[in-house]
């Protein structure tokens, strides 16, 4: 699961257009971990865990923005 967290972090970090502060980074890490823990119960591989977490976080951002 830790590898999935790192993968998701790198994907989301690469998509950032602005430099985020430490508080925002902490919140993002917490959201990644929560999404991965939720998805891990299904027994999927680390790459799918990472992409699933990214999808959930991006969907939540769109929901808040809309």
PDB file of N, CA and C in Angstrom:
ATOM      1  N   UNK A   1       0.817  -1.196   0.000  1.00  0.00           N
ATOM      2  CA  UNK A   1       0.000   0.000   0.000  1.00  0.00           C
ATOM      3  C   UNK A   1       0.861   1.261   0.000  1.00  0.00           C
ATOM      4  N   UNK A   2       2.016   1.207   0.643  1.00  0.00           N
ATOM      5  CA  UNK A   2       2.856   2.407   0.671  1.00  0.00           C
ATOM      6  C   UNK A   2       3.346   2.767  -0.729  1.00  0.00           C
ATOM      7  N   UNK A   3       3.619   1.755  -1.543  1.00  0.00           N
ATOM      8  CA  UNK A   3       4.031   2.037  -2.919  1.00  0.00           C
ATOM      9  C   UNK A   3       2.899   2.690  -3.703  1.00  0.00           C
ATOM     10  N   UNK A   4       1.673   2.279  -3.446  1.00  0.00           N
ATOM     11  CA  UNK A   4       0.520   2.890  -4.103  1.00  0.00           C
ATOM     12  C   UNK A   4       0.380   4.346  -3.674  1.00  0.00           C
ATOM     13  N   UNK A   5       0.653   4.622  -2.410  1.00  0.00           N
ATOM     14  CA  UNK A   5       0.588   6.011  -1.922  1.00  0.00           C
ATOM     15  C   UNK A   5       1.607   6.882  -2.649  1.00  0.00           C
ATOM     16  N   UNK A   6       2.822   6.377  -2.781  1.00  0.00           N
ATOM     17  CA  UNK A   6       3.876   7.132  -3.460  1.00  0.00           C
ATOM     18  C   UNK A   6       3.506   7.356  -4.924  1.00  0.00           C
ATOM     19  N   UNK A   7       2.986   6.325  -5.567  1.00  0.00           N
ATOM     20  CA  UNK A   7       2.592   6.458  -6.979  1.00  0.00           C
ATOM     21  C   UNK A   7       1.497   7.518  -7.132  1.00  0.00           C
ATOM     22  N   UNK A   8       0.492   7.455  -6.274  1.00  0.00           N
ATOM     23  CA  UNK A   8      -0.608   8.421  -6.346  1.00  0.00           C
ATOM     24  C   UNK A   8      -0.099   9.836  -6.074  1.00  0.00           C
ATOM     25  N   UNK A   9       0.783   9.981  -5.082  1.00  0.00           N
ATOM     26  CA  UNK A   9       1.343  11.289  -4.759  1.00  0.00           C
ATOM     27  C   UNK A   9       2.072  11.878  -5.969  1.00  0.00           C
ATOM     28  N   UNK A  10       2.880  11.060  -6.636  1.00  0.00           N
ATOM     29  CA  UNK A  10       3.643  11.543  -7.797  1.00  0.00           C
ATOM     30  C   UNK A  10       2.714  11.954  -8.935  1.00  0.00           C
ATOM     31  N   UNK A  11       1.662  11.193  -9.148  1.00  0.00           N
ATOM     32  CA  UNK A  11       0.708  11.523 -10.208  1.00  0.00           C
ATOM     33  C   UNK A  11       0.023  12.854  -9.902  1.00  0.00           C
ATOM     34  N   UNK A  12      -0.447  13.002  -8.677  1.00  0.00           N
ATOM     35  CA  UNK A  12      -1.171  14.226  -8.310  1.00  0.00           C
ATOM     36  C   UNK A  12      -0.227  15.425  -8.222  1.00  0.00           C
ATOM     37  N   UNK A  13       0.969  15.200  -7.731  1.00  0.00           N
ATOM     38  CA  UNK A  13       1.942  16.286  -7.625  1.00  0.00           C
ATOM     39  C   UNK A  13       2.323  16.812  -9.008  1.00  0.00           C
ATOM     40  N   UNK A  14       2.446  15.917  -9.972  1.00  0.00           N
ATOM     41  CA  UNK A  14       2.801  16.316 -11.336  1.00  0.00           C
ATOM     42  C   UNK A  14       1.695  17.156 -11.966  1.00  0.00           C
ATOM     43  N   UNK A  15       0.453  16.931 -11.556  1.00  0.00           N
ATOM     44  CA  UNK A  15      -0.669  17.672 -12.113  1.00  0.00           C
ATOM     45  C   UNK A  15      -0.912  19.015 -11.462  1.00  0.00           C
ATOM     46  N   UNK A  16      -0.174  19.329 -10.407  1.00  0.00           N
ATOM     47  CA  UNK A  16      -0.350  20.599  -9.710  1.00  0.00           C
ATOM     48  C   UNK A  16       0.203  21.738 -10.551  1.00  0.00           C
ATOM     49  N   UNK A  17      -0.590  22.774 -10.734  1.00  0.00           N
ATOM     50  CA  UNK A  17      -0.120  23.936 -11.491  1.00  0.00           C
ATOM     51  C   UNK A  17       0.457  25.011 -10.578  1.00  0.00           C
ATOM     52  N   UNK A  18       0.131  24.924  -9.296  1.00  0.00           N
ATOM     53  CA  UNK A  18       0.664  25.884  -8.341  1.00  0.00           C
ATOM     54  C   UNK A  18       1.404  25.137  -7.238  1.00  0.00           C
ATOM     55  N   UNK A  19       2.312  25.827  -6.633  1.00  0.00           N
ATOM     56  CA  UNK A  19       3.047  25.236  -5.514  1.00  0.00           C
ATOM     57  C   UNK A  19       2.131  25.284  -4.296  1.00  0.00           C
ATOM     58  N   UNK A  20       1.938  24.133  -3.680  1.00  0.00           N
ATOM     59  CA  UNK A  20       1.044  24.103  -2.528  1.00  0.00           C
ATOM     60  C   UNK A  20       1.842  24.244  -1.244  1.00  0.00           C
ATOM     61  N   UNK A  21       1.185  24.731  -0.212  1.00  0.00           N
ATOM     62  CA  UNK A  21       1.851  24.883   1.069  1.00  0.00           C
ATOM     63  C   UNK A  21       1.866  23.542   1.813  1.00  0.00           C
ATOM     64  N   UNK A  22       2.518  23.517   2.950  1.00  0.00           N
ATOM     65  CA  UNK A  22       2.674  22.274   3.712  1.00  0.00           C
ATOM     66  C   UNK A  22       1.329  21.744   4.203  1.00  0.00           C
ATOM     67  N   UNK A  23       0.422  22.634   4.570  1.00  0.00           N
ATOM     68  CA  UNK A  23      -0.904  22.206   5.033  1.00  0.00           C
ATOM     69  C   UNK A  23      -1.661  21.501   3.906  1.00  0.00           C
ATOM     70  N   UNK A  24      -1.619  22.079   2.713  1.00  0.00           N
ATOM     71  CA  UNK A  24      -2.293  21.472   1.564  1.00  0.00           C
ATOM     72  C   UNK A  24      -1.664  20.125   1.218  1.00  0.00           C
ATOM     73  N   UNK A  25      -0.347  20.029   1.325  1.00  0.00           N
ATOM     74  CA  UNK A  25       0.339  18.762   1.047  1.00  0.00           C
ATOM     75  C   UNK A  25      -0.055  17.697   2.058  1.00  0.00           C
ATOM     76  N   UNK A  26      -0.191  18.087   3.311  1.00  0.00           N
ATOM     77  CA  UNK A  26      -0.601  17.152   4.358  1.00  0.00           C
ATOM     78  C   UNK A  26      -2.017  16.657   4.112  1.00  0.00           C
ATOM     79  N   UNK A  27      -2.895  17.555   3.742  1.00  0.00           N
ATOM     80  CA  UNK A  27      -4.285  17.168   3.445  1.00  0.00           C
ATOM     81  C   UNK A  27      -4.322  16.222   2.252  1.00  0.00           C
ATOM     82  N   UNK A  28      -3.535  16.513   1.228  1.00  0.00           N
ATOM     83  CA  UNK A  28      -3.497  15.651   0.052  1.00  0.00           C
ATOM     84  C   UNK A  28      -2.986  14.258   0.418  1.00  0.00           C
ATOM     85  N   UNK A  29      -1.924  14.188   1.216  1.00  0.00           N
ATOM     86  CA  UNK A  29      -1.403  12.881   1.644  1.00  0.00           C
ATOM     87  C   UNK A  29      -2.450  12.111   2.443  1.00  0.00           C
ATOM     88  N   UNK A  30      -3.165  12.794   3.309  1.00  0.00           N
ATOM     89  CA  UNK A  30      -4.216  12.150   4.099  1.00  0.00           C
ATOM     90  C   UNK A  30      -5.327  11.621   3.195  1.00  0.00           C
ATOM     91  N   UNK A  31      -5.712  12.398   2.209  1.00  0.00           N
ATOM     92  CA  UNK A  31      -6.759  11.970   1.281  1.00  0.00           C
ATOM     93  C   UNK A  31      -6.319  10.777   0.435  1.00  0.00           C
ATOM     94  N   UNK A  32      -5.062  10.781   0.028  1.00  0.00           N
ATOM     95  CA  UNK A  32      -4.522   9.645  -0.726  1.00  0.00           C
ATOM     96  C   UNK A  32      -4.572   8.389   0.148  1.00  0.00           C
ATOM     97  N   UNK A  33      -4.086   8.503   1.367  1.00  0.00           N
ATOM     98  CA  UNK A  33      -4.066   7.343   2.270  1.00  0.00           C
ATOM     99  C   UNK A  33      -5.471   6.819   2.539  1.00  0.00           C
ATOM    100  N   UNK A  34      -6.415   7.719   2.754  1.00  0.00           N
ATOM    101  CA  UNK A  34      -7.795   7.295   3.021  1.00  0.00           C
ATOM    102  C   UNK A  34      -8.390   6.570   1.822  1.00  0.00           C
ATOM    103  N   UNK A  35      -8.150   7.094   0.628  1.00  0.00           N
ATOM    104  CA  UNK A  35      -8.686   6.465  -0.577  1.00  0.00           C
ATOM    105  C   UNK A  35      -8.058   5.092  -0.794  1.00  0.00           C
ATOM    106  N   UNK A  36      -6.766   4.976  -0.554  1.00  0.00           N
ATOM    107  CA  UNK A  36      -6.086   3.696  -0.745  1.00  0.00           C
ATOM    108  C   UNK A  36      -6.555   2.669   0.281  1.00  0.00           C
ATOM    109  N   UNK A  37      -6.740   3.089   1.510  1.00  0.00           N
ATOM    110  CA  UNK A  37      -7.247   2.161   2.527  1.00  0.00           C
ATOM    111  C   UNK A  37      -8.638   1.657   2.163  1.00  0.00           C
ATOM    112  N   UNK A  38      -9.469   2.536   1.655  1.00  0.00           N
ATOM    113  CA  UNK A  38     -10.807   2.133   1.222  1.00  0.00           C
ATOM    114  C   UNK A  38     -10.756   1.112   0.096  1.00  0.00           C
ATOM    115  N   UNK A  39      -9.894   1.372  -0.872  1.00  0.00           N
ATOM    116  CA  UNK A  39      -9.796   0.508  -2.046  1.00  0.00           C
ATOM    117  C   UNK A  39      -9.056  -0.801  -1.759  1.00  0.00           C
ATOM    118  N   UNK A  40      -8.175  -0.798  -0.777  1.00  0.00           N
ATOM    119  CA  UNK A  40      -7.337  -1.976  -0.497  1.00  0.00           C
ATOM    120  C   UNK A  40      -8.155  -3.190  -0.084  1.00  0.00           C
ATOM    121  N   UNK A  41      -9.302  -2.973   0.484  1.00  0.00           N
ATOM    122  CA  UNK A  41     -10.141  -4.084   0.922  1.00  0.00           C
ATOM    123  C   UNK A  41     -10.562  -4.976  -0.241  1.00  0.00           C
ATOM    124  N   UNK A  42     -10.541  -4.426  -1.437  1.00  0.00           N
ATOM    125  CA  UNK A  42     -10.953  -5.203  -2.600  1.00  0.00           C
ATOM    126  C   UNK A  42      -9.853  -6.119  -3.120  1.00  0.00           C
ATOM    127  N   UNK A  43      -8.622  -5.955  -2.617  1.00  0.00           N
ATOM    128  CA  UNK A  43      -7.528  -6.829  -3.003  1.00  0.00           C
ATOM    129  C   UNK A  43      -6.904  -6.537  -4.354  1.00  0.00           C
ATOM    130  N   UNK A  44      -7.050  -5.306  -4.856  1.00  0.00           N
ATOM    131  CA  UNK A  44      -6.489  -4.964  -6.166  1.00  0.00           C
ATOM    132  C   UNK A  44      -5.001  -4.652  -6.045  1.00  0.00           C
ATOM    133  N   UNK A  45      -4.299  -4.656  -7.171  1.00  0.00           N
ATOM    134  CA  UNK A  45      -2.857  -4.430  -7.174  1.00  0.00           C
ATOM    135  C   UNK A  45      -2.520  -2.963  -6.898  1.00  0.00           C
ATOM    136  N   UNK A  46      -1.236  -2.712  -6.625  1.00  0.00           N
ATOM    137  CA  UNK A  46      -0.808  -1.364  -6.201  1.00  0.00           C
ATOM    138  C   UNK A  46      -1.038  -0.298  -7.260  1.00  0.00           C
ATOM    139  N   UNK A  47      -0.829  -0.636  -8.522  1.00  0.00           N
ATOM    140  CA  UNK A  47      -1.031   0.357  -9.582  1.00  0.00           C
ATOM    141  C   UNK A  47      -2.503   0.756  -9.675  1.00  0.00           C
ATOM    142  N   UNK A  48      -3.381  -0.218  -9.592  1.00  0.00           N
ATOM    143  CA  UNK A  48      -4.811   0.066  -9.627  1.00  0.00           C
ATOM    144  C   UNK A  48      -5.232   0.838  -8.384  1.00  0.00           C
ATOM    145  N   UNK A  49      -4.629   0.512  -7.228  1.00  0.00           N
ATOM    146  CA  UNK A  49      -4.895   1.279  -6.008  1.00  0.00           C
ATOM    147  C   UNK A  49      -4.524   2.747  -6.199  1.00  0.00           C
ATOM    148  N   UNK A  50      -3.341   2.978  -6.746  1.00  0.00           N
ATOM    149  CA  UNK A  50      -2.871   4.352  -6.949  1.00  0.00           C
ATOM    150  C   UNK A  50      -3.791   5.117  -7.887  1.00  0.00           C
ATOM    151  N   UNK A  51      -4.132   4.504  -9.007  1.00  0.00           N
ATOM    152  CA  UNK A  51      -4.990   5.194  -9.974  1.00  0.00           C
ATOM    153  C   UNK A  51      -6.405   5.379  -9.428  1.00  0.00           C
ATOM    154  N   UNK A  52      -6.886   4.429  -8.658  1.00  0.00           N
ATOM    155  CA  UNK A  52      -8.196   4.573  -8.034  1.00  0.00           C
ATOM    156  C   UNK A  52      -8.222   5.726  -7.050  1.00  0.00           C
ATOM    157  N   UNK A  53      -7.143   5.860  -6.269  1.00  0.00           N
ATOM    158  CA  UNK A  53      -7.047   6.970  -5.313  1.00  0.00           C
ATOM    159  C   UNK A  53      -7.007   8.306  -6.051  1.00  0.00           C
ATOM    160  N   UNK A  54      -6.220   8.370  -7.113  1.00  0.00           N
ATOM    161  CA  UNK A  54      -6.137   9.601  -7.915  1.00  0.00           C
ATOM    162  C   UNK A  54      -7.515   9.948  -8.474  1.00  0.00           C
ATOM    163  N   UNK A  55      -8.201   8.965  -9.017  1.00  0.00           N
ATOM    164  CA  UNK A  55      -9.545   9.203  -9.573  1.00  0.00           C
ATOM    165  C   UNK A  55     -10.492   9.756  -8.514  1.00  0.00           C
ATOM    166  N   UNK A  56     -10.458   9.188  -7.321  1.00  0.00           N
ATOM    167  CA  UNK A  56     -11.341   9.666  -6.246  1.00  0.00           C
ATOM    168  C   UNK A  56     -11.021  11.097  -5.843  1.00  0.00           C
ATOM    169  N   UNK A  57      -9.748  11.418  -5.741  1.00  0.00           N
ATOM    170  CA  UNK A  57      -9.354  12.765  -5.329  1.00  0.00           C
ATOM    171  C   UNK A  57      -9.713  13.785  -6.401  1.00  0.00           C
ATOM    172  N   UNK A  58      -9.471  13.455  -7.651  1.00  0.00           N
ATOM    173  CA  UNK A  58      -9.830  14.372  -8.738  1.00  0.00           C
ATOM    174  C   UNK A  58     -11.340  14.566  -8.806  1.00  0.00           C
ATOM    175  N   UNK A  59     -12.097  13.493  -8.620  1.00  0.00           N
ATOM    176  CA  UNK A  59     -13.564  13.601  -8.628  1.00  0.00           C
ATOM    177  C   UNK A  59     -14.044  14.489  -7.486  1.00  0.00           C
ATOM    178  N   UNK A  60     -13.430  14.360  -6.320  1.00  0.00           N
ATOM    179  CA  UNK A  60     -13.820  15.193  -5.175  1.00  0.00           C
ATOM    180  C   UNK A  60     -13.508  16.662  -5.442  1.00  0.00           C
ATOM    181  N   UNK A  61     -12.387  16.930  -6.087  1.00  0.00           N
ATOM    182  CA  UNK A  61     -12.028  18.318  -6.431  1.00  0.00           C
ATOM    183  C   UNK A  61     -13.052  18.910  -7.395  1.00  0.00           C
ATOM    184  N   UNK A  62     -13.452  18.124  -8.374  1.00  0.00           N
ATOM    185  CA  UNK A  62     -14.439  18.614  -9.347  1.00  0.00           C
ATOM    186  C   UNK A  62     -15.767  18.881  -8.670  1.00  0.00           C
ATOM    187  N   UNK A  63     -16.148  18.020  -7.745  1.00  0.00           N
ATOM    188  CA  UNK A  63     -17.416  18.181  -7.028  1.00  0.00           C
ATOM    189  C   UNK A  63     -17.399  19.471  -6.215  1.00  0.00           C
ATOM    190  N   UNK A  64     -16.282  19.740  -5.526  1.00  0.00           N
ATOM    191  CA  UNK A  64     -16.175  20.966  -4.729  1.00  0.00           C
ATOM    192  C   UNK A  64     -16.145  22.205  -5.603  1.00  0.00           C
ATOM    193  N   UNK A  65     -15.518  22.098  -6.769  1.00  0.00           N
ATOM    194  CA  UNK A  65     -15.393  23.252  -7.666  1.00  0.00           C
ATOM    195  C   UNK A  65     -16.706  23.568  -8.366  1.00  0.00           C
ATOM    196  N   UNK A  66     -17.551  22.551  -8.541  1.00  0.00           N
ATOM    197  CA  UNK A  66     -18.785  22.725  -9.301  1.00  0.00           C
ATOM    198  C   UNK A  66     -19.877  23.222  -8.518  1.00  0.00           C
TER     199      UNK A  66
END
